[in-house]
Amino acid sequence: MGADACPSAEGRSSSAIRDPRSRKNFCLKRLLSLLARQSTSMYLAHMENSDDPALMEGRSRVGEASVHWRREGSGPPAVFLHGFPLSGHTWDRVVLLLRNRFTCYAPDLVGLGQSHSTADEDYSSQGQARAIQGVLSQLGVDSYALIGNDTGGWVARELALIDKPRVSRLVLTNTEIPFHRPPWIPMYQALAHVPGFGAIIRRLLKYAAFRRSGLVFGGCFHDLIHLEGEFQRRFVEPLIVSDIRMENALRFLRRMKFSRLDEFHHLHQQLTMPVLFVWGANDPTFPEPSARRMVSQFPNVFGFHEVKDAKLFVYEEHPEQVAKLLASFLSEAHP
């Protein structure tokens, strides 16, 4: 690159620009910066269009919904659905342990992560299921195991209802229970309709004391150290810095109707595939005794595994134990 071809030096002092050594260093820095941005763009484009079956990331359009997904590994397909207000990345530690045996799909639910829609119906539990069903069809997934946590477990049940021929197994971990109301979600659902509520929550999330309280993530982990670092960066910071992410999360809350959840008291009988429960034993959001009572509603339960020293996000705290249980259940021959 000749001296005259150097990118704009706007903001540099005229003496520094005229000095050949300074100008050379400035151009080199600009070139490295441009190459870094270009490499990132090329990498993301490769991730979305790669033919490598071991690792792929992309986005699928289903009606008005744009659904972001990640695929990793090889073997029989397993689909992981996350809860609120996370994204598919919350399953990364479990996927890392299973990718040598299974092709793991981790989509972002509509309104969370990088998935969104212009249609309100896509944010409902049934709309979410239709969107995920469409994505899996586009990706050519025929038969698959389905794993869900928190609201992802609710959506997993919706998906199992409408895609029953393709769902070979169902695993539920700490998820909604018919006629049970979590201690704080109904309050947030009501406040989600109040103008300006999103801005207030974004400010409050900056404070560790609020994040660690029972009103937010205090009931999600046995050891609250898991709230810091990667969890904070991946799932909390985007809600703080992006009003769009927060608004989509509130749309998610507004459209998830507990009246629909209560219908599963009877709909569970239609889920005839083998079902496994993996439950964090100390969860205040979906208590283990209530979960055990729900088990009788399913006709084909293969086990209920209690994980000690764990709460709502049991797989985040104990990925090895959860992955071992999943691998065993998904590999067994079931009638």
Protein backbone atom coordinates (compact mmCIF):
# COMPACT_ATOMS: atom_id res chain seq x y z
CA MET A 1 0.00 0.00 0.00
CA GLY A 2 1.50 3.36 -1.02
CA ALA A 3 1.57 6.33 1.30
CA ASP A 4 -1.24 8.04 -0.57
CA ALA A 5 -3.38 4.86 -0.30
CA CYS A 6 -3.36 4.86 3.50
CA PRO A 7 -6.84 4.99 5.11
CA SER A 8 -7.99 8.37 6.38
CA ALA A 9 -5.85 9.87 9.10
CA GLU A 10 -8.63 12.03 10.44
CA GLY A 11 -8.00 13.04 14.02
CA ARG A 12 -4.21 12.76 13.76
CA SER A 13 -2.05 15.87 14.16
CA SER A 14 -0.70 17.26 10.89
CA SER A 15 2.92 16.91 12.08
CA ALA A 16 2.44 13.23 12.91
CA ILE A 17 0.84 12.56 9.53
CA ARG A 18 3.66 14.30 7.67
CA ASP A 19 6.29 12.25 9.53
CA PRO A 20 6.94 9.13 7.36
CA ARG A 21 7.59 6.85 10.35
CA SER A 22 4.43 7.92 12.18
CA ARG A 23 2.40 7.67 9.01
CA LYS A 24 3.72 4.16 8.35
CA ASN A 25 2.82 3.04 11.88
CA PHE A 26 -0.63 4.62 11.61
CA CYS A 27 -1.32 2.90 8.29
CA LEU A 28 -0.15 -0.43 9.69
CA LYS A 29 -2.51 -0.15 12.64
CA ARG A 30 -5.41 0.77 10.37
CA LEU A 31 -4.61 -2.16 8.08
CA LEU A 32 -4.48 -4.62 10.98
CA SER A 33 -7.79 -3.26 12.28
CA LEU A 34 -9.45 -3.65 8.87
CA LEU A 35 -8.06 -7.17 8.49
CA ALA A 36 -9.36 -8.14 11.93
CA ARG A 37 -12.87 -6.91 11.08
CA GLN A 38 -12.76 -8.63 7.70
CA SER A 39 -11.56 -11.90 9.27
CA THR A 40 -14.44 -11.77 11.78
CA SER A 41 -16.96 -11.22 8.98
CA MET A 42 -15.46 -14.06 6.93
CA TYR A 43 -15.51 -16.36 9.97
CA LEU A 44 -19.16 -15.63 10.72
CA ALA A 45 -20.06 -16.14 7.06
CA HIS A 46 -18.19 -19.45 7.14
CA MET A 47 -20.02 -20.49 10.30
CA GLU A 48 -23.38 -19.80 8.68
CA ASN A 49 -22.58 -21.51 5.37
CA SER A 50 -20.02 -24.18 6.32
CA ASP A 51 -20.50 -27.73 5.09
CA ASP A 52 -18.55 -29.03 8.11
CA PRO A 53 -21.01 -31.31 9.94
CA ALA A 54 -19.15 -30.90 13.23
CA LEU A 55 -19.80 -27.20 13.73
CA MET A 56 -22.19 -24.76 12.12
CA GLU A 57 -24.02 -21.62 13.17
CA GLY A 58 -26.77 -19.95 11.21
CA ARG A 59 -30.15 -18.31 11.00
CA SER A 60 -33.40 -19.67 9.55
CA ARG A 61 -36.52 -17.80 8.52
CA VAL A 62 -39.82 -19.41 9.53
CA GLY A 63 -42.71 -17.15 8.59
CA GLU A 64 -42.06 -13.84 10.35
CA ALA A 65 -39.55 -15.38 12.76
CA SER A 66 -35.78 -15.25 12.35
CA VAL A 67 -34.32 -18.08 14.43
CA HIS A 68 -30.63 -18.28 15.30
CA TRP A 69 -29.24 -21.76 15.85
CA ARG A 70 -26.00 -23.62 16.45
CA ARG A 71 -25.16 -27.18 15.44
CA GLU A 72 -22.19 -29.10 16.80
CA GLY A 73 -21.00 -32.70 16.78
CA SER A 74 -21.95 -35.84 14.90
CA GLY A 75 -24.28 -38.73 15.57
CA PRO A 76 -28.02 -38.99 16.35
CA PRO A 77 -29.64 -35.52 16.60
CA ALA A 78 -30.37 -34.00 20.01
CA VAL A 79 -32.14 -30.63 20.30
CA PHE A 80 -31.53 -28.44 23.37
CA LEU A 81 -34.02 -25.71 24.32
CA HIS A 82 -33.08 -23.06 26.88
CA GLY A 83 -35.03 -20.99 29.38
CA PHE A 84 -35.59 -17.33 30.18
CA PRO A 85 -33.75 -15.01 29.62
CA LEU A 86 -30.88 -17.08 28.18
CA SER A 87 -29.88 -18.36 24.75
CA GLY A 88 -28.79 -21.65 23.22
CA HIS A 89 -25.25 -20.99 24.44
CA THR A 90 -26.32 -21.91 27.97
CA TRP A 91 -26.05 -25.58 26.91
CA ASP A 92 -22.44 -25.24 25.68
CA ARG A 93 -20.83 -27.17 28.53
CA VAL A 94 -23.20 -30.11 28.09
CA VAL A 95 -22.84 -30.03 24.31
CA LEU A 96 -19.05 -30.10 24.69
CA LEU A 97 -19.37 -33.41 26.54
CA LEU A 98 -21.87 -34.94 24.09
CA ARG A 99 -20.73 -33.72 20.68
CA ASN A 100 -18.60 -36.81 20.01
CA ARG A 101 -21.72 -38.99 20.21
CA PHE A 102 -24.59 -36.74 19.13
CA THR A 103 -25.32 -33.95 16.68
CA CYS A 104 -26.39 -31.21 19.07
CA TYR A 105 -28.74 -28.42 17.97
CA ALA A 106 -29.15 -25.38 20.24
CA PRO A 107 -31.52 -22.74 18.82
CA ASP A 108 -32.33 -19.42 20.49
CA LEU A 109 -36.02 -19.16 21.38
CA VAL A 110 -37.86 -16.30 19.70
CA GLY A 111 -37.32 -13.11 21.68
CA LEU A 112 -34.16 -14.38 23.36
CA GLY A 113 -30.56 -14.53 22.22
CA GLN A 114 -30.39 -13.59 18.55
CA SER A 115 -33.87 -14.82 17.56
CA HIS A 116 -36.76 -12.43 16.97
CA SER A 117 -40.01 -11.97 15.06
CA THR A 118 -42.37 -9.26 13.94
CA ALA A 119 -45.36 -11.48 14.82
CA ASP A 120 -46.50 -11.54 18.47
CA GLU A 121 -47.79 -15.09 18.10
CA ASP A 122 -44.25 -16.38 17.52
CA TYR A 123 -43.40 -15.39 21.11
CA SER A 124 -46.08 -17.69 22.57
CA SER A 125 -45.30 -21.24 23.65
CA GLN A 126 -47.13 -22.71 20.65
CA GLY A 127 -45.59 -20.20 18.25
CA GLN A 128 -42.13 -20.99 19.60
CA ALA A 129 -42.71 -24.69 18.95
CA ARG A 130 -43.84 -24.06 15.37
CA ALA A 131 -40.75 -21.93 14.74
CA ILE A 132 -38.38 -24.60 16.07
CA GLN A 133 -40.22 -27.30 14.12
CA GLY A 134 -39.76 -25.24 10.96
CA VAL A 135 -36.05 -24.76 11.62
CA LEU A 136 -35.46 -28.47 12.16
CA SER A 137 -37.36 -29.29 8.97
CA GLN A 138 -35.24 -26.81 7.01
CA LEU A 139 -32.08 -28.37 8.45
CA GLY A 140 -33.20 -31.83 7.37
CA VAL A 141 -33.55 -33.27 10.87
CA ASP A 142 -35.79 -36.34 10.77
CA SER A 143 -35.84 -38.05 14.17
CA TYR A 144 -34.42 -36.30 17.23
CA ALA A 145 -34.22 -36.34 21.01
CA LEU A 146 -35.54 -33.23 22.72
CA ILE A 147 -34.10 -31.69 25.89
CA GLY A 148 -35.57 -28.63 27.60
CA ASN A 149 -34.91 -26.56 30.70
CA ASP A 150 -37.09 -23.89 32.33
CA THR A 151 -39.41 -22.38 29.70
CA GLY A 152 -37.47 -24.36 27.10
CA GLY A 153 -39.00 -27.44 28.74
CA TRP A 154 -42.47 -25.98 28.23
CA VAL A 155 -41.70 -25.25 24.57
CA ALA A 156 -40.22 -28.74 24.25
CA ARG A 157 -43.55 -30.21 25.31
CA GLU A 158 -45.39 -28.03 22.81
CA LEU A 159 -42.98 -29.20 20.12
CA ALA A 160 -43.35 -32.84 21.12
CA LEU A 161 -47.13 -32.49 20.71
CA ILE A 162 -46.99 -31.16 17.14
CA ASP A 163 -43.93 -33.13 15.99
CA LYS A 164 -44.59 -36.40 17.79
CA PRO A 165 -43.48 -38.73 14.95
CA ARG A 166 -40.01 -37.15 14.93
CA VAL A 167 -39.42 -36.80 18.69
CA SER A 168 -37.77 -40.04 19.78
CA ARG A 169 -37.15 -39.10 23.43
CA LEU A 170 -37.93 -36.20 25.75
CA VAL A 171 -35.83 -34.94 28.66
CA LEU A 172 -37.20 -32.31 31.04
CA THR A 173 -35.03 -30.46 33.53
CA ASN A 174 -36.47 -28.00 36.07
CA THR A 175 -39.33 -26.66 34.02
CA GLU A 176 -42.86 -25.28 34.37
CA ILE A 177 -45.45 -27.40 36.16
CA PRO A 178 -49.21 -27.14 35.46
CA PHE A 179 -51.08 -25.11 38.11
CA HIS A 180 -47.80 -24.15 39.78
CA ARG A 181 -46.77 -20.49 39.64
CA PRO A 182 -43.12 -19.51 40.11
CA PRO A 183 -42.65 -16.96 42.90
CA TRP A 184 -41.83 -13.97 40.70
CA ILE A 185 -42.61 -14.61 37.01
CA PRO A 186 -46.33 -13.61 37.18
CA MET A 187 -45.27 -10.28 38.70
CA TYR A 188 -42.79 -9.66 35.90
CA GLN A 189 -45.39 -10.63 33.31
CA ALA A 190 -47.74 -7.96 34.66
CA LEU A 191 -44.99 -5.34 34.85
CA ALA A 192 -43.89 -6.16 31.29
CA HIS A 193 -46.99 -4.28 30.10
CA VAL A 194 -45.97 -1.11 31.95
CA PRO A 195 -44.25 1.51 29.74
CA GLY A 196 -40.65 2.10 30.80
CA PHE A 197 -40.34 -1.11 32.80
CA GLY A 198 -37.59 -2.43 30.52
CA ALA A 199 -35.44 0.65 31.14
CA ILE A 200 -35.81 0.23 34.91
CA ILE A 201 -34.77 -3.44 34.78
CA ARG A 202 -31.77 -2.59 32.60
CA ARG A 203 -30.55 -0.18 35.26
CA LEU A 204 -31.19 -2.60 38.13
CA LEU A 205 -29.33 -5.43 36.38
CA LYS A 206 -26.13 -3.41 36.70
CA TYR A 207 -26.16 -4.07 40.45
CA ALA A 208 -24.82 -7.41 41.69
CA ALA A 209 -27.12 -7.33 44.74
CA PHE A 210 -30.18 -7.22 42.47
CA ARG A 211 -28.87 -9.94 40.14
CA ARG A 212 -28.17 -12.20 43.13
CA SER A 213 -31.55 -11.64 44.74
CA GLY A 214 -34.45 -14.06 44.61
CA LEU A 215 -36.19 -11.62 42.26
CA VAL A 216 -33.69 -12.37 39.50
CA PHE A 217 -31.05 -15.13 39.43
CA GLY A 218 -30.74 -15.95 43.13
CA GLY A 219 -32.93 -19.02 42.71
CA CYS A 220 -31.10 -20.25 39.62
CA PHE A 221 -27.82 -21.44 41.14
CA HIS A 222 -26.82 -23.25 44.31
CA ASP A 223 -23.46 -21.46 44.14
CA LEU A 224 -23.94 -17.85 43.03
CA ILE A 225 -20.37 -17.63 41.76
CA HIS A 226 -21.82 -19.02 38.52
CA LEU A 227 -23.59 -15.70 37.99
CA GLU A 228 -20.31 -13.95 37.30
CA GLY A 229 -17.92 -14.13 34.37
CA GLU A 230 -19.21 -15.95 31.31
CA PHE A 231 -22.84 -16.09 32.45
CA GLN A 232 -22.82 -12.33 33.07
CA ARG A 233 -21.17 -11.61 29.72
CA ARG A 234 -23.37 -13.89 27.62
CA PHE A 235 -26.81 -13.48 29.14
CA VAL A 236 -26.97 -10.39 31.35
CA GLU A 237 -24.83 -7.78 29.59
CA PRO A 238 -26.82 -7.99 26.31
CA LEU A 239 -30.00 -7.13 28.23
CA ILE A 240 -28.27 -4.16 29.87
CA VAL A 241 -26.74 -2.64 26.74
CA SER A 242 -29.50 -3.33 24.20
CA ASP A 243 -32.99 -1.92 24.50
CA ILE A 244 -34.01 -4.19 21.61
CA ARG A 245 -32.87 -7.32 23.49
CA MET A 246 -34.78 -6.19 26.57
CA GLU A 247 -37.94 -5.38 24.63
CA ASN A 248 -37.86 -8.78 22.90
CA ALA A 249 -37.45 -10.48 26.29
CA LEU A 250 -40.48 -8.59 27.60
CA ARG A 251 -42.50 -9.64 24.55
CA PHE A 252 -41.51 -13.20 25.39
CA LEU A 253 -42.84 -12.75 28.93
CA ARG A 254 -46.07 -11.17 27.78
CA ARG A 255 -46.91 -13.99 25.38
CA MET A 256 -46.21 -17.00 27.63
CA LYS A 257 -49.64 -17.78 29.08
CA PHE A 258 -49.98 -19.89 32.22
CA SER A 259 -53.52 -20.77 31.19
CA ARG A 260 -51.98 -22.67 28.28
CA LEU A 261 -49.45 -24.35 30.58
CA ASP A 262 -52.27 -25.65 32.80
CA GLU A 263 -53.73 -27.51 29.81
CA PHE A 264 -50.71 -29.81 29.96
CA HIS A 265 -52.15 -31.41 33.07
CA HIS A 266 -54.07 -33.47 30.49
CA LEU A 267 -51.90 -32.96 27.40
CA HIS A 268 -48.97 -34.76 29.06
CA GLN A 269 -50.84 -38.01 28.47
CA GLN A 270 -50.34 -37.51 24.73
CA LEU A 271 -46.54 -37.47 25.07
CA THR A 272 -46.02 -41.20 24.64
CA MET A 273 -42.30 -41.12 23.82
CA PRO A 274 -39.82 -42.17 26.55
CA VAL A 275 -39.39 -39.32 29.04
CA LEU A 276 -36.59 -38.65 31.51
CA PHE A 277 -36.62 -36.08 34.33
CA VAL A 278 -33.38 -34.51 35.59
CA TRP A 279 -34.07 -32.09 38.44
CA GLY A 280 -32.00 -29.71 40.54
CA ALA A 281 -33.02 -30.73 44.05
CA ASN A 282 -32.88 -27.27 45.66
CA ASP A 283 -34.87 -25.31 43.08
CA PRO A 284 -37.28 -22.75 44.63
CA THR A 285 -38.75 -21.89 41.22
CA PHE A 286 -39.97 -25.38 40.31
CA PRO A 287 -39.69 -27.41 43.56
CA GLU A 288 -38.79 -31.06 43.30
CA PRO A 289 -41.86 -32.36 45.22
CA SER A 290 -44.17 -30.60 42.75
CA ALA A 291 -42.17 -31.99 39.84
CA ARG A 292 -42.47 -35.52 41.18
CA ARG A 293 -46.24 -35.15 41.38
CA MET A 294 -46.26 -34.08 37.72
CA VAL A 295 -44.44 -37.27 36.68
CA SER A 296 -47.60 -39.38 36.96
CA GLN A 297 -49.17 -37.34 34.14
CA PHE A 298 -46.74 -38.88 31.60
CA PRO A 299 -47.44 -42.41 30.32
CA ASN A 300 -43.85 -43.47 29.54
CA VAL A 301 -41.44 -42.18 32.21
CA PHE A 302 -38.02 -43.87 32.37
CA GLY A 303 -36.73 -42.16 35.48
CA PHE A 304 -36.53 -39.13 37.74
CA HIS A 305 -32.98 -38.16 38.68
CA GLU A 306 -32.39 -35.71 41.50
CA VAL A 307 -29.20 -33.64 41.27
CA LYS A 308 -28.08 -32.38 44.66
CA ASP A 309 -26.64 -28.91 45.24
CA ALA A 310 -28.43 -27.58 42.16
CA LYS A 311 -31.30 -25.26 41.38
CA LEU A 312 -33.02 -24.09 38.19
CA PHE A 313 -30.01 -24.13 35.84
CA VAL A 314 -28.88 -27.57 36.99
CA TYR A 315 -26.92 -28.29 33.79
CA GLU A 316 -24.86 -25.08 34.19
CA GLU A 317 -23.64 -26.11 37.66
CA HIS A 318 -23.30 -29.85 37.00
CA PRO A 319 -22.70 -30.32 33.25
CA GLU A 320 -20.78 -33.60 33.68
CA GLN A 321 -23.52 -35.25 35.72
CA VAL A 322 -26.28 -34.04 33.41
CA ALA A 323 -24.36 -35.04 30.28
CA LYS A 324 -23.78 -38.53 31.69
CA LEU A 325 -27.49 -38.98 32.41
CA LEU A 326 -28.41 -37.72 28.94
CA ALA A 327 -25.89 -39.91 27.16
CA SER A 328 -27.15 -43.01 28.95
CA PHE A 329 -30.83 -42.28 28.30
CA LEU A 330 -30.37 -41.22 24.67
CA SER A 331 -28.24 -44.27 23.90
CA GLU A 332 -30.51 -46.89 25.46
CA ALA A 333 -32.82 -48.95 23.29
CA HIS A 334 -36.37 -48.08 24.30
CA PRO A 335 -39.47 -49.97 23.10
